[in-house]
Amino acid sequence: MSTRQRLRALSLALPLLITATFSTLSSGQTVPPEQQSPYSALHYRYIGPPGNRVTSVVGVPGDLNIYYAGAASGGVWKSFDAGEHWYPIFDSQPAQSIGSIAIAPSNHNIL
């Protein structure tokens, strides 16, 4: 699945989540005051490697769990669990900022 297809799936799922939240609120149930906002059930979390500003991201076609992220402060990071945890894979290289990152279409093991 390409990045464009993943973004499209996400853009289709987000309105469904918001609609489900609003339908729960309008079903006549009593909602505590701290949950009056439809966004109160959503919690902030960091996405990407800790302590870095991510400049580019690419996913492995056909595998929804493996992603690579290039960081502005240097380095390439890999996630095996759809972005929950990130591991550095580029620490031994003398590169600074990573501006873009891509996966070779012929071999998904080549960045």
PDB file of N, CA and C in Angstrom:
ATOM      1  N   MET A   1       0.848  -1.168   0.000  1.00  0.00           N
ATOM      2  CA  MET A   1       0.000   0.000   0.000  1.00  0.00           C
ATOM      3  C   MET A   1       0.897   1.236   0.000  1.00  0.00           C
ATOM      4  N   SER A   2       0.677   2.151  -0.908  1.00  0.00           N
ATOM      5  CA  SER A   2       1.524   3.327  -1.019  1.00  0.00           C
ATOM      6  C   SER A   2       1.166   4.351   0.057  1.00  0.00           C
ATOM      7  N   THR A   3       2.050   5.320   0.224  1.00  0.00           N
ATOM      8  CA  THR A   3       1.814   6.381   1.201  1.00  0.00           C
ATOM      9  C   THR A   3       0.546   7.140   0.864  1.00  0.00           C
ATOM     10  N   ARG A   4       0.317   7.376  -0.409  1.00  0.00           N
ATOM     11  CA  ARG A   4      -0.890   8.081  -0.837  1.00  0.00           C
ATOM     12  C   ARG A   4      -2.141   7.296  -0.438  1.00  0.00           C
ATOM     13  N   GLN A   5      -2.103   5.974  -0.599  1.00  0.00           N
ATOM     14  CA  GLN A   5      -3.243   5.142  -0.229  1.00  0.00           C
ATOM     15  C   GLN A   5      -3.446   5.136   1.283  1.00  0.00           C
ATOM     16  N   ARG A   6      -2.360   5.140   2.058  1.00  0.00           N
ATOM     17  CA  ARG A   6      -2.470   5.184   3.516  1.00  0.00           C
ATOM     18  C   ARG A   6      -3.083   6.498   3.972  1.00  0.00           C
ATOM     19  N   LEU A   7      -2.629   7.604   3.366  1.00  0.00           N
ATOM     20  CA  LEU A   7      -3.190   8.905   3.728  1.00  0.00           C
ATOM     21  C   LEU A   7      -4.658   8.987   3.358  1.00  0.00           C
ATOM     22  N   ARG A   8      -5.031   8.412   2.230  1.00  0.00           N
ATOM     23  CA  ARG A   8      -6.435   8.422   1.824  1.00  0.00           C
ATOM     24  C   ARG A   8      -7.278   7.609   2.806  1.00  0.00           C
ATOM     25  N   ALA A   9      -6.759   6.454   3.231  1.00  0.00           N
ATOM     26  CA  ALA A   9      -7.494   5.635   4.201  1.00  0.00           C
ATOM     27  C   ALA A   9      -7.650   6.379   5.523  1.00  0.00           C
ATOM     28  N   LEU A  10      -6.596   7.094   5.939  1.00  0.00           N
ATOM     29  CA  LEU A  10      -6.669   7.875   7.167  1.00  0.00           C
ATOM     30  C   LEU A  10      -7.672   9.007   7.030  1.00  0.00           C
ATOM     31  N   SER A  11      -7.699   9.665   5.876  1.00  0.00           N
ATOM     32  CA  SER A  11      -8.638  10.773   5.679  1.00  0.00           C
ATOM     33  C   SER A  11     -10.079  10.271   5.636  1.00  0.00           C
ATOM     34  N   LEU A  12     -10.278   9.016   5.274  1.00  0.00           N
ATOM     35  CA  LEU A  12     -11.630   8.447   5.293  1.00  0.00           C
ATOM     36  C   LEU A  12     -12.021   7.983   6.699  1.00  0.00           C
ATOM     37  N   ALA A  13     -11.053   7.535   7.487  1.00  0.00           N
ATOM     38  CA  ALA A  13     -11.350   7.008   8.821  1.00  0.00           C
ATOM     39  C   ALA A  13     -11.597   8.119   9.834  1.00  0.00           C
ATOM     40  N   LEU A  14     -10.900   9.244   9.716  1.00  0.00           N
ATOM     41  CA  LEU A  14     -11.041  10.323  10.689  1.00  0.00           C
ATOM     42  C   LEU A  14     -12.464  10.876  10.751  1.00  0.00           C
ATOM     43  N   PRO A  15     -13.132  11.178   9.619  1.00  0.00           N
ATOM     44  CA  PRO A  15     -14.516  11.645   9.717  1.00  0.00           C
ATOM     45  C   PRO A  15     -15.448  10.615  10.358  1.00  0.00           C
ATOM     46  N   LEU A  16     -15.176   9.322  10.150  1.00  0.00           N
ATOM     47  CA  LEU A  16     -16.001   8.297  10.783  1.00  0.00           C
ATOM     48  C   LEU A  16     -15.840   8.318  12.300  1.00  0.00           C
ATOM     49  N   LEU A  17     -14.612   8.536  12.775  1.00  0.00           N
ATOM     50  CA  LEU A  17     -14.357   8.631  14.208  1.00  0.00           C
ATOM     51  C   LEU A  17     -15.084   9.830  14.800  1.00  0.00           C
ATOM     52  N   ILE A  18     -15.012  10.956  14.118  1.00  0.00           N
ATOM     53  CA  ILE A  18     -15.686  12.162  14.607  1.00  0.00           C
ATOM     54  C   ILE A  18     -17.200  11.968  14.578  1.00  0.00           C
ATOM     55  N   THR A  19     -17.728  11.369  13.519  1.00  0.00           N
ATOM     56  CA  THR A  19     -19.166  11.112  13.425  1.00  0.00           C
ATOM     57  C   THR A  19     -19.618  10.182  14.535  1.00  0.00           C
ATOM     58  N   ALA A  20     -18.847   9.154  14.837  1.00  0.00           N
ATOM     59  CA  ALA A  20     -19.202   8.225  15.911  1.00  0.00           C
ATOM     60  C   ALA A  20     -19.221   8.944  17.254  1.00  0.00           C
ATOM     61  N   THR A  21     -18.292   9.871  17.448  1.00  0.00           N
ATOM     62  CA  THR A  21     -18.263  10.634  18.698  1.00  0.00           C
ATOM     63  C   THR A  21     -19.504  11.499  18.826  1.00  0.00           C
ATOM     64  N   PHE A  22     -19.880  12.193  17.742  1.00  0.00           N
ATOM     65  CA  PHE A  22     -21.062  13.046  17.775  1.00  0.00           C
ATOM     66  C   PHE A  22     -22.337  12.229  17.942  1.00  0.00           C
ATOM     67  N   SER A  23     -22.422  11.060  17.315  1.00  0.00           N
ATOM     68  CA  SER A  23     -23.640  10.246  17.454  1.00  0.00           C
ATOM     69  C   SER A  23     -23.783   9.725  18.874  1.00  0.00           C
ATOM     70  N   THR A  24     -22.670   9.448  19.545  1.00  0.00           N
ATOM     71  CA  THR A  24     -22.726   9.034  20.938  1.00  0.00           C
ATOM     72  C   THR A  24     -23.240  10.173  21.807  1.00  0.00           C
ATOM     73  N   LEU A  25     -22.782  11.384  21.518  1.00  0.00           N
ATOM     74  CA  LEU A  25     -23.212  12.535  22.304  1.00  0.00           C
ATOM     75  C   LEU A  25     -24.674  12.870  22.065  1.00  0.00           C
ATOM     76  N   SER A  26     -25.187  12.625  20.861  1.00  0.00           N
ATOM     77  CA  SER A  26     -26.557  12.998  20.544  1.00  0.00           C
ATOM     78  C   SER A  26     -27.551  11.868  20.783  1.00  0.00           C
ATOM     79  N   SER A  27     -27.117  10.756  21.369  1.00  0.00           N
ATOM     80  CA  SER A  27     -28.012   9.621  21.569  1.00  0.00           C
ATOM     81  C   SER A  27     -28.868   9.740  22.825  1.00  0.00           C
ATOM     82  N   GLY A  28     -28.817  10.875  23.519  1.00  0.00           N
ATOM     83  CA  GLY A  28     -29.632  11.078  24.699  1.00  0.00           C
ATOM     84  C   GLY A  28     -28.971  10.642  25.988  1.00  0.00           C
ATOM     85  N   GLN A  29     -27.740  10.201  25.933  1.00  0.00           N
ATOM     86  CA  GLN A  29     -27.033   9.791  27.135  1.00  0.00           C
ATOM     87  C   GLN A  29     -26.560  11.022  27.895  1.00  0.00           C
ATOM     88  N   THR A  30     -26.476  10.903  29.195  1.00  0.00           N
ATOM     89  CA  THR A  30     -25.947  11.985  30.000  1.00  0.00           C
ATOM     90  C   THR A  30     -24.426  11.925  29.950  1.00  0.00           C
ATOM     91  N   VAL A  31     -23.832  13.063  29.592  1.00  0.00           N
ATOM     92  CA  VAL A  31     -22.385  13.140  29.458  1.00  0.00           C
ATOM     93  C   VAL A  31     -21.841  13.995  30.593  1.00  0.00           C
ATOM     94  N   PRO A  32     -20.838  13.497  31.328  1.00  0.00           N
ATOM     95  CA  PRO A  32     -20.241  14.297  32.398  1.00  0.00           C
ATOM     96  C   PRO A  32     -19.671  15.604  31.835  1.00  0.00           C
ATOM     97  N   PRO A  33     -19.617  16.672  32.636  1.00  0.00           N
ATOM     98  CA  PRO A  33     -19.142  17.971  32.147  1.00  0.00           C
ATOM     99  C   PRO A  33     -17.734  17.935  31.568  1.00  0.00           C
ATOM    100  N   GLU A  34     -16.848  17.090  32.112  1.00  0.00           N
ATOM    101  CA  GLU A  34     -15.475  17.037  31.607  1.00  0.00           C
ATOM    102  C   GLU A  34     -15.384  16.394  30.223  1.00  0.00           C
ATOM    103  N   GLN A  35     -16.473  15.787  29.763  1.00  0.00           N
ATOM    104  CA  GLN A  35     -16.470  15.154  28.447  1.00  0.00           C
ATOM    105  C   GLN A  35     -17.435  15.826  27.482  1.00  0.00           C
ATOM    106  N   GLN A  36     -17.708  17.091  27.669  1.00  0.00           N
ATOM    107  CA  GLN A  36     -18.633  17.794  26.806  1.00  0.00           C
ATOM    108  C   GLN A  36     -18.075  17.967  25.391  1.00  0.00           C
ATOM    109  N   SER A  37     -16.787  18.097  25.262  1.00  0.00           N
ATOM    110  CA  SER A  37     -16.174  18.269  23.953  1.00  0.00           C
ATOM    111  C   SER A  37     -16.086  16.928  23.231  1.00  0.00           C
ATOM    112  N   PRO A  38     -16.390  16.900  21.921  1.00  0.00           N
ATOM    113  CA  PRO A  38     -16.251  15.630  21.193  1.00  0.00           C
ATOM    114  C   PRO A  38     -14.796  15.184  21.076  1.00  0.00           C
ATOM    115  N   TYR A  39     -13.852  16.071  21.358  1.00  0.00           N
ATOM    116  CA  TYR A  39     -12.438  15.737  21.251  1.00  0.00           C
ATOM    117  C   TYR A  39     -11.833  15.342  22.596  1.00  0.00           C
ATOM    118  N   SER A  40     -12.621  15.321  23.644  1.00  0.00           N
ATOM    119  CA  SER A  40     -12.079  15.031  24.966  1.00  0.00           C
ATOM    120  C   SER A  40     -11.569  13.594  25.090  1.00  0.00           C
ATOM    121  N   ALA A  41     -12.075  12.691  24.268  1.00  0.00           N
ATOM    122  CA  ALA A  41     -11.607  11.300  24.323  1.00  0.00           C
ATOM    123  C   ALA A  41     -10.275  11.111  23.600  1.00  0.00           C
ATOM    124  N   LEU A  42      -9.887  12.089  22.807  1.00  0.00           N
ATOM    125  CA  LEU A  42      -8.622  12.001  22.083  1.00  0.00           C
ATOM    126  C   LEU A  42      -7.489  12.475  22.978  1.00  0.00           C
ATOM    127  N   HIS A  43      -6.372  11.774  22.948  1.00  0.00           N
ATOM    128  CA  HIS A  43      -5.224  12.120  23.767  1.00  0.00           C
ATOM    129  C   HIS A  43      -4.031  12.415  22.877  1.00  0.00           C
ATOM    130  N   TYR A  44      -3.260  13.420  23.253  1.00  0.00           N
ATOM    131  CA  TYR A  44      -2.072  13.801  22.511  1.00  0.00           C
ATOM    132  C   TYR A  44      -0.972  12.777  22.737  1.00  0.00           C
ATOM    133  N   ARG A  45      -0.268  12.442  21.655  1.00  0.00           N
ATOM    134  CA  ARG A  45       0.911  11.594  21.782  1.00  0.00           C
ATOM    135  C   ARG A  45       1.892  11.983  20.689  1.00  0.00           C
ATOM    136  N   TYR A  46       3.156  11.757  20.958  1.00  0.00           N
ATOM    137  CA  TYR A  46       4.186  12.034  19.973  1.00  0.00           C
ATOM    138  C   TYR A  46       4.171  10.973  18.889  1.00  0.00           C
ATOM    139  N   ILE A  47       4.398  11.401  17.668  1.00  0.00           N
ATOM    140  CA  ILE A  47       4.520  10.473  16.557  1.00  0.00           C
ATOM    141  C   ILE A  47       5.899  10.694  15.960  1.00  0.00           C
ATOM    142  N   GLY A  48       6.674   9.662  15.877  1.00  0.00           N
ATOM    143  CA  GLY A  48       8.010   9.770  15.322  1.00  0.00           C
ATOM    144  C   GLY A  48       9.069   9.537  16.377  1.00  0.00           C
ATOM    145  N   PRO A  49      10.316   9.587  15.955  1.00  0.00           N
ATOM    146  CA  PRO A  49      11.426   9.351  16.873  1.00  0.00           C
ATOM    147  C   PRO A  49      11.468  10.417  17.967  1.00  0.00           C
ATOM    148  N   PRO A  50      11.850  10.064  19.180  1.00  0.00           N
ATOM    149  CA  PRO A  50      11.890  11.038  20.271  1.00  0.00           C
ATOM    150  C   PRO A  50      13.010  12.057  20.080  1.00  0.00           C
ATOM    151  N   GLY A  51      12.705  13.315  20.342  1.00  0.00           N
ATOM    152  CA  GLY A  51      13.714  14.366  20.303  1.00  0.00           C
ATOM    153  C   GLY A  51      14.130  14.825  18.936  1.00  0.00           C
ATOM    154  N   ASN A  52      13.429  14.484  17.915  1.00  0.00           N
ATOM    155  CA  ASN A  52      13.798  14.863  16.557  1.00  0.00           C
ATOM    156  C   ASN A  52      12.638  15.511  15.836  1.00  0.00           C
ATOM    157  N   ARG A  53      12.973  16.369  14.895  1.00  0.00           N
ATOM    158  CA  ARG A  53      11.976  16.916  13.980  1.00  0.00           C
ATOM    159  C   ARG A  53      12.079  16.079  12.710  1.00  0.00           C
ATOM    160  N   VAL A  54      11.021  15.399  12.376  1.00  0.00           N
ATOM    161  CA  VAL A  54      11.022  14.492  11.227  1.00  0.00           C
ATOM    162  C   VAL A  54      10.821  15.297   9.948  1.00  0.00           C
ATOM    163  N   THR A  55      11.688  15.068   8.963  1.00  0.00           N
ATOM    164  CA  THR A  55      11.597  15.782   7.694  1.00  0.00           C
ATOM    165  C   THR A  55      11.015  14.929   6.581  1.00  0.00           C
ATOM    166  N   SER A  56      11.093  13.622   6.716  1.00  0.00           N
ATOM    167  CA  SER A  56      10.563  12.742   5.671  1.00  0.00           C
ATOM    168  C   SER A  56      10.207  11.388   6.276  1.00  0.00           C
ATOM    169  N   VAL A  57       9.172  10.788   5.714  1.00  0.00           N
ATOM    170  CA  VAL A  57       8.702   9.487   6.191  1.00  0.00           C
ATOM    171  C   VAL A  57       8.355   8.636   4.983  1.00  0.00           C
ATOM    172  N   VAL A  58       8.643   7.354   5.064  1.00  0.00           N
ATOM    173  CA  VAL A  58       8.263   6.423   4.007  1.00  0.00           C
ATOM    174  C   VAL A  58       7.883   5.098   4.658  1.00  0.00           C
ATOM    175  N   GLY A  59       6.874   4.441   4.076  1.00  0.00           N
ATOM    176  CA  GLY A  59       6.443   3.139   4.556  1.00  0.00           C
ATOM    177  C   GLY A  59       6.764   2.067   3.534  1.00  0.00           C
ATOM    178  N   VAL A  60       6.914   0.858   3.998  1.00  0.00           N
ATOM    179  CA  VAL A  60       7.197  -0.272   3.114  1.00  0.00           C
ATOM    180  C   VAL A  60       5.886  -0.691   2.443  1.00  0.00           C
ATOM    181  N   PRO A  61       5.859  -0.709   1.109  1.00  0.00           N
ATOM    182  CA  PRO A  61       4.631  -1.119   0.418  1.00  0.00           C
ATOM    183  C   PRO A  61       4.236  -2.547   0.799  1.00  0.00           C
ATOM    184  N   GLY A  62       2.986  -2.713   1.163  1.00  0.00           N
ATOM    185  CA  GLY A  62       2.478  -4.028   1.524  1.00  0.00           C
ATOM    186  C   GLY A  62       2.663  -4.407   2.980  1.00  0.00           C
ATOM    187  N   ASP A  63       3.368  -3.595   3.762  1.00  0.00           N
ATOM    188  CA  ASP A  63       3.567  -3.875   5.182  1.00  0.00           C
ATOM    189  C   ASP A  63       3.181  -2.631   5.973  1.00  0.00           C
ATOM    190  N   LEU A  64       2.054  -2.679   6.654  1.00  0.00           N
ATOM    191  CA  LEU A  64       1.544  -1.518   7.377  1.00  0.00           C
ATOM    192  C   LEU A  64       2.266  -1.242   8.682  1.00  0.00           C
ATOM    193  N   ASN A  65       3.220  -2.083   9.064  1.00  0.00           N
ATOM    194  CA  ASN A  65       3.916  -1.906  10.335  1.00  0.00           C
ATOM    195  C   ASN A  65       5.300  -1.293  10.219  1.00  0.00           C
ATOM    196  N   ILE A  66       5.938  -1.351   9.063  1.00  0.00           N
ATOM    197  CA  ILE A  66       7.313  -0.883   8.936  1.00  0.00           C
ATOM    198  C   ILE A  66       7.343   0.496   8.278  1.00  0.00           C
ATOM    199  N   TYR A  67       7.980   1.442   8.997  1.00  0.00           N
ATOM    200  CA  TYR A  67       8.141   2.810   8.514  1.00  0.00           C
ATOM    201  C   TYR A  67       9.560   3.275   8.783  1.00  0.00           C
ATOM    202  N   TYR A  68      10.025   4.189   7.951  1.00  0.00           N
ATOM    203  CA  TYR A  68      11.315   4.836   8.130  1.00  0.00           C
ATOM    204  C   TYR A  68      11.075   6.333   8.227  1.00  0.00           C
ATOM    205  N   ALA A  69      11.856   7.004   9.082  1.00  0.00           N
ATOM    206  CA  ALA A  69      11.741   8.452   9.231  1.00  0.00           C
ATOM    207  C   ALA A  69      13.132   9.060   9.166  1.00  0.00           C
ATOM    208  N   GLY A  70      13.266  10.120   8.372  1.00  0.00           N
ATOM    209  CA  GLY A  70      14.506  10.879   8.310  1.00  0.00           C
ATOM    210  C   GLY A  70      14.379  12.092   9.214  1.00  0.00           C
ATOM    211  N   ALA A  71      15.399  12.369  10.020  1.00  0.00           N
ATOM    212  CA  ALA A  71      15.332  13.442  11.007  1.00  0.00           C
ATOM    213  C   ALA A  71      16.163  14.641  10.578  1.00  0.00           C
ATOM    214  N   ALA A  72      15.690  15.830  10.932  1.00  0.00           N
ATOM    215  CA  ALA A  72      16.405  17.065  10.611  1.00  0.00           C
ATOM    216  C   ALA A  72      17.721  17.146  11.373  1.00  0.00           C
ATOM    217  N   SER A  73      17.767  16.594  12.572  1.00  0.00           N
ATOM    218  CA  SER A  73      19.000  16.625  13.358  1.00  0.00           C
ATOM    219  C   SER A  73      19.957  15.510  12.972  1.00  0.00           C
ATOM    220  N   GLY A  74      19.575  14.727  11.990  1.00  0.00           N
ATOM    221  CA  GLY A  74      20.441  13.667  11.493  1.00  0.00           C
ATOM    222  C   GLY A  74      19.944  12.293  11.875  1.00  0.00           C
ATOM    223  N   GLY A  75      20.119  11.374  10.967  1.00  0.00           N
ATOM    224  CA  GLY A  75      19.773   9.999  11.263  1.00  0.00           C
ATOM    225  C   GLY A  75      18.510   9.516  10.589  1.00  0.00           C
ATOM    226  N   VAL A  76      18.467   8.202  10.430  1.00  0.00           N
ATOM    227  CA  VAL A  76      17.287   7.525   9.904  1.00  0.00           C
ATOM    228  C   VAL A  76      16.811   6.585  11.000  1.00  0.00           C
ATOM    229  N   TRP A  77      15.504   6.576  11.217  1.00  0.00           N
ATOM    230  CA  TRP A  77      14.891   5.775  12.261  1.00  0.00           C
ATOM    231  C   TRP A  77      13.945   4.780  11.621  1.00  0.00           C
ATOM    232  N   LYS A  78      13.784   3.606  12.262  1.00  0.00           N
ATOM    233  CA  LYS A  78      12.907   2.565  11.736  1.00  0.00           C
ATOM    234  C   LYS A  78      11.926   2.134  12.816  1.00  0.00           C
ATOM    235  N   SER A  79      10.681   1.920  12.396  1.00  0.00           N
ATOM    236  CA  SER A  79       9.646   1.413  13.300  1.00  0.00           C
ATOM    237  C   SER A  79       9.133   0.093  12.752  1.00  0.00           C
ATOM    238  N   PHE A  80       9.047  -0.898  13.623  1.00  0.00           N
ATOM    239  CA  PHE A  80       8.520  -2.213  13.255  1.00  0.00           C
ATOM    240  C   PHE A  80       7.061  -2.380  13.674  1.00  0.00           C
ATOM    241  N   ASP A  81       6.537  -1.409  14.450  1.00  0.00           N
ATOM    242  CA  ASP A  81       5.194  -1.541  15.029  1.00  0.00           C
ATOM    243  C   ASP A  81       4.310  -0.329  14.707  1.00  0.00           C
ATOM    244  N   ALA A  82       4.324   0.086  13.457  1.00  0.00           N
ATOM    245  CA  ALA A  82       3.463   1.169  12.949  1.00  0.00           C
ATOM    246  C   ALA A  82       3.697   2.495  13.661  1.00  0.00           C
ATOM    247  N   GLY A  83       4.920   2.767  14.071  1.00  0.00           N
ATOM    248  CA  GLY A  83       5.255   4.055  14.648  1.00  0.00           C
ATOM    249  C   GLY A  83       5.175   4.152  16.152  1.00  0.00           C
ATOM    250  N   GLU A  84       4.908   3.078  16.837  1.00  0.00           N
ATOM    251  CA  GLU A  84       4.837   3.126  18.300  1.00  0.00           C
ATOM    252  C   GLU A  84       6.227   3.291  18.921  1.00  0.00           C
ATOM    253  N   HIS A  85       7.205   2.561  18.398  1.00  0.00           N
ATOM    254  CA  HIS A  85       8.590   2.645  18.882  1.00  0.00           C
ATOM    255  C   HIS A  85       9.505   2.868  17.683  1.00  0.00           C
ATOM    256  N   TRP A  86      10.568   3.640  17.892  1.00  0.00           N
ATOM    257  CA  TRP A  86      11.502   3.962  16.812  1.00  0.00           C
ATOM    258  C   TRP A  86      12.918   3.587  17.216  1.00  0.00           C
ATOM    259  N   TYR A  87      13.694   3.039  16.258  1.00  0.00           N
ATOM    260  CA  TYR A  87      15.047   2.587  16.511  1.00  0.00           C
ATOM    261  C   TYR A  87      15.991   3.240  15.498  1.00  0.00           C
ATOM    262  N   PRO A  88      17.124   3.792  15.966  1.00  0.00           N
ATOM    263  CA  PRO A  88      18.071   4.417  15.034  1.00  0.00           C
ATOM    264  C   PRO A  88      18.792   3.361  14.208  1.00  0.00           C
ATOM    265  N   ILE A  89      18.891   3.606  12.904  1.00  0.00           N
ATOM    266  CA  ILE A  89      19.597   2.650  12.032  1.00  0.00           C
ATOM    267  C   ILE A  89      20.696   3.341  11.223  1.00  0.00           C
ATOM    268  N   PHE A  90      20.971   4.613  11.518  1.00  0.00           N
ATOM    269  CA  PHE A  90      21.888   5.391  10.699  1.00  0.00           C
ATOM    270  C   PHE A  90      22.946   6.087  11.551  1.00  0.00           C
ATOM    271  N   ASP A  91      23.134   5.645  12.793  1.00  0.00           N
ATOM    272  CA  ASP A  91      24.022   6.335  13.729  1.00  0.00           C
ATOM    273  C   ASP A  91      25.483   6.348  13.297  1.00  0.00           C
ATOM    274  N   SER A  92      25.941   5.342  12.612  1.00  0.00           N
ATOM    275  CA  SER A  92      27.362   5.258  12.263  1.00  0.00           C
ATOM    276  C   SER A  92      27.720   6.053  11.010  1.00  0.00           C
ATOM    277  N   GLN A  93      26.766   6.706  10.385  1.00  0.00           N
ATOM    278  CA  GLN A  93      27.022   7.465   9.163  1.00  0.00           C
ATOM    279  C   GLN A  93      27.352   8.921   9.485  1.00  0.00           C
ATOM    280  N   PRO A  94      28.222   9.553   8.686  1.00  0.00           N
ATOM    281  CA  PRO A  94      28.637  10.936   8.965  1.00  0.00           C
ATOM    282  C   PRO A  94      27.680  11.982   8.380  1.00  0.00           C
ATOM    283  N   ALA A  95      26.441  11.647   8.198  1.00  0.00           N
ATOM    284  CA  ALA A  95      25.477  12.584   7.600  1.00  0.00           C
ATOM    285  C   ALA A  95      24.846  13.459   8.664  1.00  0.00           C
ATOM    286  N   GLN A  96      24.464  14.645   8.255  1.00  0.00           N
ATOM    287  CA  GLN A  96      23.745  15.549   9.150  1.00  0.00           C
ATOM    288  C   GLN A  96      22.252  15.371   8.931  1.00  0.00           C
ATOM    289  N   SER A  97      21.623  16.373   8.390  1.00  0.00           N
ATOM    290  CA  SER A  97      20.183  16.364   8.186  1.00  0.00           C
ATOM    291  C   SER A  97      19.781  15.432   7.050  1.00  0.00           C
ATOM    292  N   ILE A  98      18.658  14.764   7.219  1.00  0.00           N
ATOM    293  CA  ILE A  98      18.095  13.907   6.179  1.00  0.00           C
ATOM    294  C   ILE A  98      16.950  14.688   5.538  1.00  0.00           C
ATOM    295  N   GLY A  99      17.095  15.041   4.271  1.00  0.00           N
ATOM    296  CA  GLY A  99      16.086  15.841   3.593  1.00  0.00           C
ATOM    297  C   GLY A  99      14.979  15.022   2.971  1.00  0.00           C
ATOM    298  N   SER A 100      15.305  13.858   2.459  1.00  0.00           N
ATOM    299  CA  SER A 100      14.286  12.996   1.871  1.00  0.00           C
ATOM    300  C   SER A 100      14.730  11.542   2.022  1.00  0.00           C
ATOM    301  N   ILE A 101      13.750  10.669   1.906  1.00  0.00           N
ATOM    302  CA  ILE A 101      14.023   9.246   2.071  1.00  0.00           C
ATOM    303  C   ILE A 101      13.071   8.491   1.150  1.00  0.00           C
ATOM    304  N   ALA A 102      13.548   7.411   0.555  1.00  0.00           N
ATOM    305  CA  ALA A 102      12.713   6.612  -0.354  1.00  0.00           C
ATOM    306  C   ALA A 102      13.138   5.150  -0.257  1.00  0.00           C
ATOM    307  N   ILE A 103      12.224   4.292  -0.605  1.00  0.00           N
ATOM    308  CA  ILE A 103      12.479   2.854  -0.648  1.00  0.00           C
ATOM    309  C   ILE A 103      12.553   2.440  -2.112  1.00  0.00           C
ATOM    310  N   ALA A 104      13.557   1.639  -2.460  1.00  0.00           N
ATOM    311  CA  ALA A 104      13.697   1.179  -3.832  1.00  0.00           C
ATOM    312  C   ALA A 104      12.510   0.274  -4.186  1.00  0.00           C
ATOM    313  N   PRO A 105      11.843   0.535  -5.327  1.00  0.00           N
ATOM    314  CA  PRO A 105      10.697  -0.293  -5.713  1.00  0.00           C
ATOM    315  C   PRO A 105      11.073  -1.747  -6.012  1.00  0.00           C
ATOM    316  N   SER A 106      12.308  -1.962  -6.450  1.00  0.00           N
ATOM    317  CA  SER A 106      12.736  -3.310  -6.808  1.00  0.00           C
ATOM    318  C   SER A 106      13.102  -4.155  -5.589  1.00  0.00           C
ATOM    319  N   ASN A 107      13.553  -3.507  -4.501  1.00  0.00           N
ATOM    320  CA  ASN A 107      13.963  -4.223  -3.297  1.00  0.00           C
ATOM    321  C   ASN A 107      13.640  -3.355  -2.090  1.00  0.00           C
ATOM    322  N   HIS A 108      12.688  -3.773  -1.285  1.00  0.00           N
ATOM    323  CA  HIS A 108      12.233  -2.951  -0.156  1.00  0.00           C
ATOM    324  C   HIS A 108      13.223  -2.909   0.990  1.00  0.00           C
ATOM    325  N   ASN A 109      14.358  -3.588   0.880  1.00  0.00           N
ATOM    326  CA  ASN A 109      15.412  -3.521   1.886  1.00  0.00           C
ATOM    327  C   ASN A 109      16.432  -2.425   1.588  1.00  0.00           C
ATOM    328  N   ILE A 110      16.260  -1.751   0.450  1.00  0.00           N
ATOM    329  CA  ILE A 110      17.194  -0.699   0.069  1.00  0.00           C
ATOM    330  C   ILE A 110      16.515   0.654   0.235  1.00  0.00           C
ATOM    331  N   LEU A 111      17.158   1.537   1.044  1.00  0.00           N
ATOM    332  CA  LEU A 111      16.659   2.890   1.243  1.00  0.00           C
ATOM    333  C   LEU A 111      17.406   3.844   0.347  1.00  0.00           C
TER     334      LEU A 111
END
